[in-house]
C-alpha atoms as a PDB file:
ATOM      1  CA  MET A   1     -11.676 127.116  84.702  1.00  0.00           C
ATOM      2  CA  ARG A   2     -15.236 127.847  85.809  1.00  0.00           C
ATOM      3  CA  HIS A   3     -17.371 125.336  87.684  1.00  0.00           C
ATOM      4  CA  ASP A   4     -21.028 124.361  87.856  1.00  0.00           C
ATOM      5  CA  ALA A   5     -22.519 126.110  90.887  1.00  0.00           C
ATOM      6  CA  GLU A   6     -24.724 123.144  91.761  1.00  0.00           C
ATOM      7  CA  LYS A   7     -21.857 120.630  91.794  1.00  0.00           C
ATOM      8  CA  LEU A   8     -19.447 122.428  94.126  1.00  0.00           C
ATOM      9  CA  THR A   9     -18.939 121.947  97.860  1.00  0.00           C
ATOM     10  CA  TYR A  10     -19.016 125.196  99.820  1.00  0.00           C
ATOM     11  CA  GLN A  11     -18.443 126.657 103.244  1.00  0.00           C
ATOM     12  CA  GLU A  12     -21.217 128.743 104.761  1.00  0.00           C
ATOM     13  CA  VAL A  13     -20.137 132.292 105.623  1.00  0.00           C
ATOM     14  CA  THR A  14     -21.571 135.731 106.258  1.00  0.00           C
ATOM     15  CA  ILE A  15     -20.582 138.552 103.926  1.00  0.00           C
ATOM     16  CA  LEU A  16     -21.460 142.088 105.016  1.00  0.00           C
ATOM     17  CA  GLY A  17     -23.880 140.530 107.473  1.00  0.00           C
ATOM     18  CA  LYS A  18     -25.689 138.361 104.899  1.00  0.00           C
ATOM     19  CA  PRO A  19     -25.606 134.544 104.818  1.00  0.00           C
ATOM     20  CA  ALA A  20     -23.661 133.173 101.869  1.00  0.00           C
ATOM     21  CA  LEU A  21     -21.771 130.208 100.461  1.00  0.00           C
ATOM     22  CA  PHE A  22     -18.036 130.580  99.827  1.00  0.00           C
ATOM     23  CA  THR A  23     -15.727 128.782  97.417  1.00  0.00           C
ATOM     24  CA  GLU A  24     -12.232 129.443  96.125  1.00  0.00           C
ATOM     25  CA  CYS A  25     -13.326 128.152  92.699  1.00  0.00           C
ATOM     26  CA  ARG A  26     -14.588 130.365  89.921  1.00  0.00           C
ATOM     27  CA  ILE A  27     -18.303 129.753  89.317  1.00  0.00           C
ATOM     28  CA  ASP A  28     -19.872 129.706  85.866  1.00  0.00           C
ATOM     29  CA  ARG A  29     -22.549 132.408  86.111  1.00  0.00           C
ATOM     30  CA  THR A  30     -24.836 130.522  83.702  1.00  0.00           C
ATOM     31  CA  THR A  31     -25.107 127.649  86.210  1.00  0.00           C
ATOM     32  CA  VAL A  32     -26.350 129.873  89.049  1.00  0.00           C
ATOM     33  CA  PRO A  33     -30.125 129.344  89.468  1.00  0.00           C
ATOM     34  CA  GLU A  34     -32.656 132.143  89.610  1.00  0.00           C
ATOM     35  CA  GLY A  35     -32.963 133.635  93.068  1.00  0.00           C
ATOM     36  CA  VAL A  36     -29.267 133.089  93.834  1.00  0.00           C
ATOM     37  CA  TYR A  37     -26.642 135.791  93.279  1.00  0.00           C
ATOM     38  CA  ARG A  38     -22.952 135.276  92.533  1.00  0.00           C
ATOM     39  CA  TYR A  39     -20.223 137.733  93.502  1.00  0.00           C
ATOM     40  CA  GLU A  40     -16.449 137.557  93.337  1.00  0.00           C
ATOM     41  CA  MET A  41     -13.870 138.975  95.742  1.00  0.00           C
ATOM     42  CA  ARG A  42     -10.426 140.454  95.199  1.00  0.00           C
ATOM     43  CA  HIS A  43      -7.370 140.479  97.447  1.00  0.00           C
ATOM     44  CA  THR A  44      -4.441 142.914  97.426  1.00  0.00           C
ATOM     45  CA  ASP A  45      -1.077 142.323  95.747  1.00  0.00           C
ATOM     46  CA  GLU A  46       0.567 142.056  99.163  1.00  0.00           C
ATOM     47  CA  ASP A  47      -1.962 139.993 101.145  1.00  0.00           C
ATOM     48  CA  TRP A  48      -3.656 137.023  99.511  1.00  0.00           C
ATOM     49  CA  GLY A  49      -5.405 136.006 102.730  1.00  0.00           C
ATOM     50  CA  GLU A  50      -8.008 138.742 103.033  1.00  0.00           C
ATOM     51  CA  PRO A  51     -10.516 140.097 100.498  1.00  0.00           C
ATOM     52  CA  ILE A  52     -10.750 143.849 100.036  1.00  0.00           C
ATOM     53  CA  THR A  53     -13.494 144.297  97.409  1.00  0.00           C
ATOM     54  CA  LEU A  54     -16.731 142.579  96.353  1.00  0.00           C
ATOM     55  CA  SER A  55     -17.719 142.736  92.687  1.00  0.00           C
ATOM     56  CA  ARG A  56     -19.757 140.964  90.015  1.00  0.00           C
ATOM     57  CA  SER A  57     -16.534 139.860  88.333  1.00  0.00           C
ATOM     58  CA  ILE A  58     -12.824 139.887  89.217  1.00  0.00           C
ATOM     59  CA  LEU A  59     -10.044 139.482  86.648  1.00  0.00           C
ATOM     60  CA  VAL A  60      -6.890 139.649  88.778  1.00  0.00           C
ATOM     61  CA  ASN A  61      -6.087 138.973  92.450  1.00  0.00           C
ATOM     62  CA  TYR A  62      -9.036 136.610  92.662  1.00  0.00           C
ATOM     63  CA  TYR A  63      -9.801 135.590  96.263  1.00  0.00           C
ATOM     64  CA  GLY A  64     -12.984 133.573  95.875  1.00  0.00           C
ATOM     65  CA  ALA A  65     -16.711 133.667  95.138  1.00  0.00           C
ATOM     66  CA  VAL A  66     -19.828 133.882  97.274  1.00  0.00           C
ATOM     67  CA  LEU A  67     -23.425 132.932  96.525  1.00  0.00           C
ATOM     68  CA  THR A  68     -26.162 134.838  98.323  1.00  0.00           C
ATOM     69  CA  ARG A  69     -29.951 134.772  98.418  1.00  0.00           C
ATOM     70  CA  GLU A  70     -30.167 138.559  98.758  1.00  0.00           C
ATOM     71  CA  PRO A  71     -28.517 140.750  96.124  1.00  0.00           C
ATOM     72  CA  PHE A  72     -26.138 143.589  96.957  1.00  0.00           C
ATOM     73  CA  GLN A  73     -26.829 147.050  95.616  1.00  0.00           C
ATOM     74  CA  LEU A  74     -23.531 147.861  93.921  1.00  0.00           C
ATOM     75  CA  PRO A  75     -22.738 151.423  92.830  1.00  0.00           C
ATOM     76  CA  VAL A  76     -22.138 152.302  89.182  1.00  0.00           C
ATOM     77  CA  GLU A  77     -18.462 151.388  89.598  1.00  0.00           C
ATOM     78  CA  GLY A  78     -19.567 147.779  90.156  1.00  0.00           C
ATOM     79  CA  TRP A  79     -17.753 147.047  93.436  1.00  0.00           C
ATOM     80  CA  ILE A  80     -17.888 147.783  97.151  1.00  0.00           C
ATOM     81  CA  PRO A  81     -15.013 147.762  99.673  1.00  0.00           C
ATOM     82  CA  LEU A  82     -14.675 145.049 102.295  1.00  0.00           C
ATOM     83  CA  ALA A  83     -13.321 145.627 105.790  1.00  0.00           C
ATOM     84  CA  SER A  84     -11.346 143.029 107.724  1.00  0.00           C
ATOM     85  CA  ASP A  85     -14.519 141.716 109.413  1.00  0.00           C
ATOM     86  CA  SER A  86     -16.790 141.776 106.330  1.00  0.00           C
ATOM     87  CA  LEU A  87     -16.294 138.069 105.600  1.00  0.00           C
ATOM     88  CA  SER A  88     -16.871 135.653 108.483  1.00  0.00           C
ATOM     89  CA  PHE A  89     -16.544 131.866 108.176  1.00  0.00           C
ATOM     90  CA  GLN A  90     -19.113 129.763 110.062  1.00  0.00           C
ATOM     91  CA  ASP A  91     -18.747 126.429 111.813  1.00  0.00           C
ATOM     92  CA  GLY A  92     -20.932 123.812 110.169  1.00  0.00           C
ATOM     93  CA  GLY A  93     -23.763 125.205 108.056  1.00  0.00           C
ATOM     94  CA  CYS A  94     -24.683 124.457 104.453  1.00  0.00           C
ATOM     95  CA  ARG A  95     -22.243 122.640 102.199  1.00  0.00           C
ATOM     96  CA  THR A  96     -24.267 122.506  98.985  1.00  0.00           C
ATOM     97  CA  LEU A  97     -26.283 125.016  97.005  1.00  0.00           C
ATOM     98  CA  ALA A  98     -29.421 122.905  97.376  1.00  0.00           C
ATOM     99  CA  GLU A  99     -29.117 123.002 101.184  1.00  0.00           C
ATOM    100  CA  PHE A 100     -28.543 126.756 101.078  1.00  0.00           C
ATOM    101  CA  GLN A 101     -31.622 127.358  98.903  1.00  0.00           C
ATOM    102  CA  GLN A 102     -33.755 125.289 101.245  1.00  0.00           C
ATOM    103  CA  LYS A 103     -32.463 127.043 104.368  1.00  0.00           C
ATOM    104  CA  TYR A 104     -32.787 130.638 103.149  1.00  0.00           C
ATOM    105  CA  PRO A 105     -35.842 132.035 101.286  1.00  0.00           C
ATOM    106  CA  ILE A 106     -35.778 133.973  98.025  1.00  0.00           C
ATOM    107  CA  SER A 107     -35.280 137.697  98.557  1.00  0.00           C
ATOM    108  CA  GLU A 108     -37.723 140.220  97.110  1.00  0.00           C
ATOM    109  CA  LYS A 109     -35.065 142.947  97.099  1.00  0.00           C
ATOM    110  CA  ASN A 110     -34.990 144.725  93.736  1.00  0.00           C
ATOM    111  CA  VAL A 111     -31.530 146.167  93.079  1.00  0.00           C
ATOM    112  CA  ILE A 112     -30.321 148.170  90.090  1.00  0.00           C
ATOM    113  CA  ASP A 113     -27.345 146.764  88.174  1.00  0.00           C
ATOM    114  CA  PHE A 114     -25.232 148.907  85.847  1.00  0.00           C
ATOM    115  CA  TYR A 115     -22.975 147.507  83.098  1.00  0.00           C
ATOM    116  CA  SER A 116     -20.810 148.746  80.272  1.00  0.00           C
ATOM    117  CA  VAL A 117     -21.638 146.660  77.181  1.00  0.00           C
ATOM    118  CA  ASN A 118     -19.064 145.248  74.773  1.00  0.00           C
ATOM    119  CA  ASP A 119     -21.422 142.758  73.091  1.00  0.00           C
ATOM    120  CA  GLU A 120     -21.987 143.848  69.501  1.00  0.00           C
ATOM    121  CA  THR A 121     -24.995 141.526  69.182  1.00  0.00           C
ATOM    122  CA  LEU A 122     -26.847 143.948  71.471  1.00  0.00           C
ATOM    123  CA  HIS A 123     -26.091 147.106  69.516  1.00  0.00           C
ATOM    124  CA  ASP A 124     -29.320 147.003  67.463  1.00  0.00           C
ATOM    125  CA  LEU A 125     -31.254 147.276  70.728  1.00  0.00           C
ATOM    126  CA  TYR A 126     -29.957 150.814  71.246  1.00  0.00           C
ATOM    127  CA  PHE A 127     -32.004 152.045  68.272  1.00  0.00           C
ATOM    128  CA  SER A 128     -35.615 152.068  67.092  1.00  0.00           C
ATOM    129  CA  ARG A 129     -36.711 149.070  65.053  1.00  0.00           C
ATOM    130  CA  GLY A 130     -39.916 147.646  63.580  1.00  0.00           C
ATOM    131  CA  GLU A 131     -43.042 146.743  65.538  1.00  0.00           C
ATOM    132  CA  GLU A 132     -42.555 142.979  65.146  1.00  0.00           C
ATOM    133  CA  GLN A 133     -39.020 143.272  66.488  1.00  0.00           C
ATOM    134  CA  ASP A 134     -40.312 145.386  69.375  1.00  0.00           C
ATOM    135  CA  LYS A 135     -42.843 142.688  70.251  1.00  0.00           C
ATOM    136  CA  ALA A 136     -40.207 139.959  70.183  1.00  0.00           C
ATOM    137  CA  VAL A 137     -37.994 141.709  72.746  1.00  0.00           C
ATOM    138  CA  GLY A 138     -40.680 143.431  74.836  1.00  0.00           C
ATOM    139  CA  CYS A 139     -39.773 147.015  73.924  1.00  0.00           C
ATOM    140  CA  VAL A 140     -41.814 149.463  76.005  1.00  0.00           C
ATOM    141  CA  GLY A 141     -40.498 152.694  74.453  1.00  0.00           C
ATOM    142  CA  HIS A 142     -37.500 154.989  74.684  1.00  0.00           C
ATOM    143  CA  LEU A 143     -36.356 158.193  76.328  1.00  0.00           C
ATOM    144  CA  ARG A 144     -34.432 160.861  74.449  1.00  0.00           C
ATOM    145  CA  GLY A 145     -32.614 163.468  76.479  1.00  0.00           C
ATOM    146  CA  ASP A 146     -29.889 166.024  76.982  1.00  0.00           C
ATOM    147  CA  PHE A 147     -28.212 168.018  79.761  1.00  0.00           C
ATOM    148  CA  GLY A 148     -28.995 171.492  78.419  1.00  0.00           C
ATOM    149  CA  SER A 149     -26.162 173.776  79.514  1.00  0.00           C
ATOM    150  CA  GLY A 150     -24.403 170.831  81.187  1.00  0.00           C
ATOM    151  CA  LYS A 151     -26.173 170.047  84.464  1.00  0.00           C
ATOM    152  CA  GLN A 152     -29.820 170.300  83.458  1.00  0.00           C
ATOM    153  CA  PHE A 153     -31.858 167.233  82.545  1.00  0.00           C
ATOM    154  CA  PHE A 154     -34.451 167.221  79.772  1.00  0.00           C
ATOM    155  CA  THR A 155     -36.213 164.118  78.459  1.00  0.00           C
ATOM    156  CA  THR A 156     -38.901 163.187  75.946  1.00  0.00           C
ATOM    157  CA  TRP A 157     -40.786 159.887  75.955  1.00  0.00           C
ATOM    158  CA  TRP A 158     -41.273 158.032  72.672  1.00  0.00           C
ATOM    159  CA  PRO A 159     -43.831 155.193  72.922  1.00  0.00           C
ATOM    160  CA  HIS A 160     -43.465 151.854  71.131  1.00  0.00           C
ATOM    161  CA  GLN A 161     -46.238 149.315  70.445  1.00  0.00           C
ATOM    162  CA  ASN A 162     -48.877 152.028  70.923  1.00  0.00           C
ATOM    163  CA  ASP A 163     -47.618 152.537  74.508  1.00  0.00           C
ATOM    164  CA  VAL A 164     -49.472 149.414  75.712  1.00  0.00           C
ATOM    165  CA  LEU A 165     -46.546 148.284  77.916  1.00  0.00           C
ATOM    166  CA  ASN A 166     -46.164 151.696  79.567  1.00  0.00           C
ATOM    167  CA  THR A 167     -47.933 150.562  82.744  1.00  0.00           C
ATOM    168  CA  PRO A 168     -47.864 152.127  86.226  1.00  0.00           C
ATOM    169  CA  LYS A 169     -45.448 149.364  87.273  1.00  0.00           C
ATOM    170  CA  PHE A 170     -43.091 150.313  84.445  1.00  0.00           C
ATOM    171  CA  LYS A 171     -43.393 154.034  85.193  1.00  0.00           C
ATOM    172  CA  ALA A 172     -42.408 153.423  88.816  1.00  0.00           C
ATOM    173  CA  ASP A 173     -39.483 151.233  87.770  1.00  0.00           C
ATOM    174  CA  ILE A 174     -37.993 153.634  85.215  1.00  0.00           C
ATOM    175  CA  ASP A 175     -38.400 156.573  87.612  1.00  0.00           C
ATOM    176  CA  ARG A 176     -36.475 154.642  90.261  1.00  0.00           C
ATOM    177  CA  ALA A 177     -33.744 153.593  87.795  1.00  0.00           C
ATOM    178  CA  VAL A 178     -33.276 157.068  86.297  1.00  0.00           C
ATOM    179  CA  ASN A 179     -33.273 158.759  89.705  1.00  0.00           C
ATOM    180  CA  TRP A 180     -30.628 156.288  90.915  1.00  0.00           C
ATOM    181  CA  LEU A 181     -28.484 157.009  87.862  1.00  0.00           C
ATOM    182  CA  ARG A 182     -28.870 160.739  88.418  1.00  0.00           C
ATOM    183  CA  GLU A 183     -27.681 160.377  92.033  1.00  0.00           C
ATOM    184  CA  GLN A 184     -24.639 158.171  91.385  1.00  0.00           C
ATOM    185  CA  PRO A 185     -21.410 160.262  91.369  1.00  0.00           C
ATOM    186  CA  ASP A 186     -19.861 158.373  88.415  1.00  0.00           C
ATOM    187  CA  SER A 187     -23.017 157.699  86.394  1.00  0.00           C
ATOM    188  CA  PRO A 188     -23.249 158.781  82.735  1.00  0.00           C
ATOM    189  CA  LEU A 189     -26.603 160.402  83.569  1.00  0.00           C
ATOM    190  CA  ARG A 190     -25.168 162.548  86.373  1.00  0.00           C
ATOM    191  CA  ASP A 191     -24.386 165.485  84.067  1.00  0.00           C
ATOM    192  CA  PHE A 192     -22.610 166.165  80.772  1.00  0.00           C
ATOM    193  CA  ASP A 193     -19.064 166.240  82.160  1.00  0.00           C
ATOM    194  CA  THR A 194     -19.565 162.981  84.074  1.00  0.00           C
ATOM    195  CA  MET A 195     -21.000 161.312  80.978  1.00  0.00           C
ATOM    196  CA  LYS A 196     -17.952 162.402  78.989  1.00  0.00           C
ATOM    197  CA  ARG A 197     -15.578 161.039  81.642  1.00  0.00           C
ATOM    198  CA  CYS A 198     -17.542 157.789  81.770  1.00  0.00           C
ATOM    199  CA  CYS A 199     -17.421 157.386  77.987  1.00  0.00           C
ATOM    200  CA  ASP A 200     -13.710 158.246  77.903  1.00  0.00           C
ATOM    201  CA  ARG A 201     -13.131 155.549  80.521  1.00  0.00           C
ATOM    202  CA  TYR A 202     -15.114 152.787  78.800  1.00  0.00           C
ATOM    203  CA  GLY A 203     -14.964 154.036  75.223  1.00  0.00           C
ATOM    204  CA  ARG A 204     -12.753 151.328  73.776  1.00  0.00           C
ATOM    205  CA  SER A 205     -14.747 148.462  75.228  1.00  0.00           C
ATOM    206  CA  CYS A 206     -18.298 149.730  74.763  1.00  0.00           C
ATOM    207  CA  ALA A 207     -18.183 151.934  71.655  1.00  0.00           C
ATOM    208  CA  ILE A 208     -21.180 151.428  69.359  1.00  0.00           C
ATOM    209  CA  LYS A 209     -19.981 150.872  65.815  1.00  0.00           C
ATOM    210  CA  GLY A 210     -21.495 152.666  62.855  1.00  0.00           C
ATOM    211  CA  THR A 211     -22.869 155.735  64.647  1.00  0.00           C
ATOM    212  CA  LEU A 212     -22.474 159.208  63.146  1.00  0.00           C
ATOM    213  CA  LEU A 213     -21.204 160.552  66.469  1.00  0.00           C
ATOM    214  CA  PRO A 214     -19.049 158.586  68.963  1.00  0.00           C
ATOM    215  CA  SER A 215     -21.443 156.746  71.280  1.00  0.00           C
ATOM    216  CA  CYS A 216     -21.056 154.301  74.159  1.00  0.00           C
ATOM    217  CA  ALA A 217     -23.299 151.420  75.211  1.00  0.00           C
ATOM    218  CA  PHE A 218     -24.432 150.873  78.793  1.00  0.00           C
ATOM    219  CA  MET A 219     -27.105 148.641  80.276  1.00  0.00           C
ATOM    220  CA  VAL A 220     -29.169 148.918  83.443  1.00  0.00           C
ATOM    221  CA  LYS A 221     -31.125 145.964  84.839  1.00  0.00           C
ATOM    222  CA  THR A 222     -33.823 145.785  87.488  1.00  0.00           C
ATOM    223  CA  LYS A 223     -35.806 142.702  88.478  1.00  0.00           C
ATOM    224  CA  GLN A 224     -38.330 143.104  85.642  1.00  0.00           C
ATOM    225  CA  TYR A 225     -36.860 145.588  83.148  1.00  0.00           C
ATOM    226  CA  VAL A 226     -33.733 146.281  81.095  1.00  0.00           C
ATOM    227  CA  TYR A 227     -32.658 149.780  80.056  1.00  0.00           C
ATOM    228  CA  MET A 228     -30.240 150.113  77.140  1.00  0.00           C
ATOM    229  CA  LEU A 229     -28.522 153.474  77.531  1.00  0.00           C
ATOM    230  CA  ARG A 230     -26.787 154.962  74.474  1.00  0.00           C
ATOM    231  CA  CYS A 231     -24.583 157.901  75.440  1.00  0.00           C
ATOM    232  CA  THR A 232     -23.232 160.514  73.017  1.00  0.00           C
ATOM    233  CA  PRO A 233     -21.261 163.163  74.931  1.00  0.00           C
ATOM    234  CA  VAL A 234     -21.396 165.847  72.212  1.00  0.00           C
ATOM    235  CA  LYS A 235     -22.719 169.301  73.023  1.00  0.00           C
ATOM    236  CA  GLY A 236     -25.448 170.738  70.849  1.00  0.00           C
ATOM    237  CA  ASP A 237     -27.121 167.383  70.222  1.00  0.00           C
ATOM    238  CA  TYR A 238     -29.162 164.835  72.141  1.00  0.00           C
ATOM    239  CA  GLN A 239     -26.765 163.185  74.562  1.00  0.00           C
ATOM    240  CA  PHE A 240     -28.592 160.002  75.472  1.00  0.00           C
ATOM    241  CA  TYR A 241     -31.235 157.574  74.348  1.00  0.00           C
ATOM    242  CA  CYS A 242     -32.602 154.969  76.740  1.00  0.00           C
ATOM    243  CA  TYR A 243     -34.459 152.022  75.170  1.00  0.00           C
ATOM    244  CA  CYS A 244     -36.660 150.200  77.670  1.00  0.00           C
ATOM    245  CA  TYR A 245     -37.487 146.491  77.598  1.00  0.00           C
ATOM    246  CA  GLN A 246     -39.332 143.918  79.650  1.00  0.00           C
ATOM    247  CA  ARG A 247     -36.568 141.751  81.053  1.00  0.00           C
ATOM    248  CA  GLU A 248     -37.977 138.272  80.394  1.00  0.00           C
ATOM    249  CA  PRO A 249     -38.595 138.593  76.606  1.00  0.00           C
ATOM    250  CA  PHE A 250     -35.422 140.670  76.241  1.00  0.00           C
ATOM    251  CA  GLU A 251     -33.211 137.971  77.779  1.00  0.00           C
ATOM    252  CA  LYS A 252     -35.025 135.169  75.941  1.00  0.00           C
ATOM    253  CA  ALA A 253     -34.444 136.896  72.596  1.00  0.00           C
ATOM    254  CA  HIS A 254     -30.793 137.538  73.463  1.00  0.00           C
ATOM    255  CA  ARG A 255     -30.198 133.873  74.349  1.00  0.00           C
ATOM    256  CA  GLU A 256     -31.769 132.790  71.074  1.00  0.00           C
ATOM    257  CA  GLN A 257     -29.599 135.274  69.155  1.00  0.00           C
ATOM    258  CA  GLN A 258     -26.453 133.989  70.849  1.00  0.00           C
ATOM    259  CA  GLU A 259     -27.389 130.386  70.022  1.00  0.00           C
ATOM    260  CA  ASN A 260     -28.104 131.275  66.390  1.00  0.00           C
ATOM    261  CA  ASP A 261     -24.779 133.088  66.152  1.00  0.00           C
ATOM    262  CA  ARG A 262     -22.994 130.092  67.667  1.00  0.00           C
ATOM    263  CA  ILE A 263     -24.592 127.704  65.161  1.00  0.00           C
ATOM    264  CA  GLN A 264     -23.782 130.022  62.262  1.00  0.00           C
ATOM    265  CA  ALA A 265     -20.153 130.369  63.365  1.00  0.00           C
ATOM    266  CA  LYS A 266     -19.840 126.584  63.665  1.00  0.00           C
ATOM    267  CA  ARG A 267     -21.230 126.097  60.151  1.00  0.00           C
ATOM    268  CA  GLN A 268     -18.727 128.569  58.750  1.00  0.00           C
ATOM    269  CA  THR A 269     -15.813 126.621  60.240  1.00  0.00           C
ATOM    270  CA  GLU A 270     -16.998 123.236  59.006  1.00  0.00           C
ATOM    271  CA  PRO A 271     -15.552 121.989  55.703  1.00  0.00           C
ATOM    272  CA  ASN A 272     -17.848 121.816  52.695  1.00  0.00           C
ATOM    273  CA  ARG A 273     -19.208 118.339  52.012  1.00  0.00           C
END
């Protein structure tokens, strides 16, 4: 069972030196307000009393959740290790999310989040579409690239909407995101062999259906942009396409699509009248 973040009672802690709220309950991510970040912690099989990793989501050996005002920069793997002194419980402090938000200001830190994508409703966003559809989701343009002999890196920019959204702010953001992906040891943009290992690892969960060549879906988010990375680890062809979107219209369109799908599914299960 997942709980509403704003209705829980917490204990104030520090996690990796940052102030946070702790709860043993699982928190519904959709109830976490903007400017607050939710992470989950995992314990070992042998010791349930001490967390050993911090992640966006934990399936097994769940220890608890923390809410922070400053995001953590997680690596591509999506988790970071915790030492025995990483989590420290405080005497007194905030007990509610409202108190915590009032006590600690919003952070301006702009991290890069990497995800494998198993949501088929997003698959159309890994390909070029019409101009009206581009406007609806804030499509800036897309990169097409390959690794040459295996460790090289060649890209071509394809503008959308007459390149009007390709601003200096966007250019700086995509450069930062791509450079980060190139530096990460287990990133699909590291080189050809790493992309192949990454796709082999996530292939079942993030395979894009209907493609001529086997392709995997990944997503990268920054504070203002979303990058939909389609990876095809086949030599002799283009190995990746990266479709770039403004985050606000992208997420608005995705929420509307999910709601429409939910309504349609409900109608299909209702008896004819």
